[in-house]
Amino acid sequence: MKVILFAGAEIRDYSFCESYMDGADAVICCDAGMRHAKALGIDPDYIVGDFDSAKPEILSFFRGKSGIQFLEFQPEKDETDTELALRLAISLAPDEICVLGATGNRVDHVLGNIQLLCKPLAHHIPCMLVDPTNRIRLVDKQLTMQKADQFGTYVSLLPLTTQAGG
């Protein structure tokens, strides 16, 4: 099972999204991330958030459709909308999660979203933050990569903690 999660950061070019949408079994939008589903002509299975950053007309558009489950939260909470949506994705027990719209131009959100990758990793679920130029994931065991299969020109290995081994 493959879950696509749309976070709220800007996506300037949707062309890269289409290849990740292939074979998606569930689509989850977090708050303002529902604008990406609308732009792509996709009806999500779930929309999660406090809806403080969603455009009212887009929220209305999706509320008017049947078959979409809304999980609404108070704005005063300890989790981000993306974290709540990622928890939902994990509860579906997928084989992989792909997060689109999680990088954007706010470094605080990017760093927070990278840190959120620890949650699916703890459940042994592969999860990537994807944009047109990056594929970001966490690993906690040995990984073999083939040059012919890699995305882009460069591969960077950065420890999330002060210790790295293997």
Foldseek 3Di string as FASTA:
>chain_A
DEEEEFEQADAPDCPVVVVVCPPHPFYEYEQQSLVVCVVVVHQGQEYFEQNPPHDPVSVVVNVPDPNHHYHHDHPPDDDHSVLVRVVVVVVVVDQEYEYENQCHDDPVSVVVVLVSLVVVVVVVHWYWYDGPQDTDHDDDDDDDDDPVPDPDDDDDDDDPDPDDDD
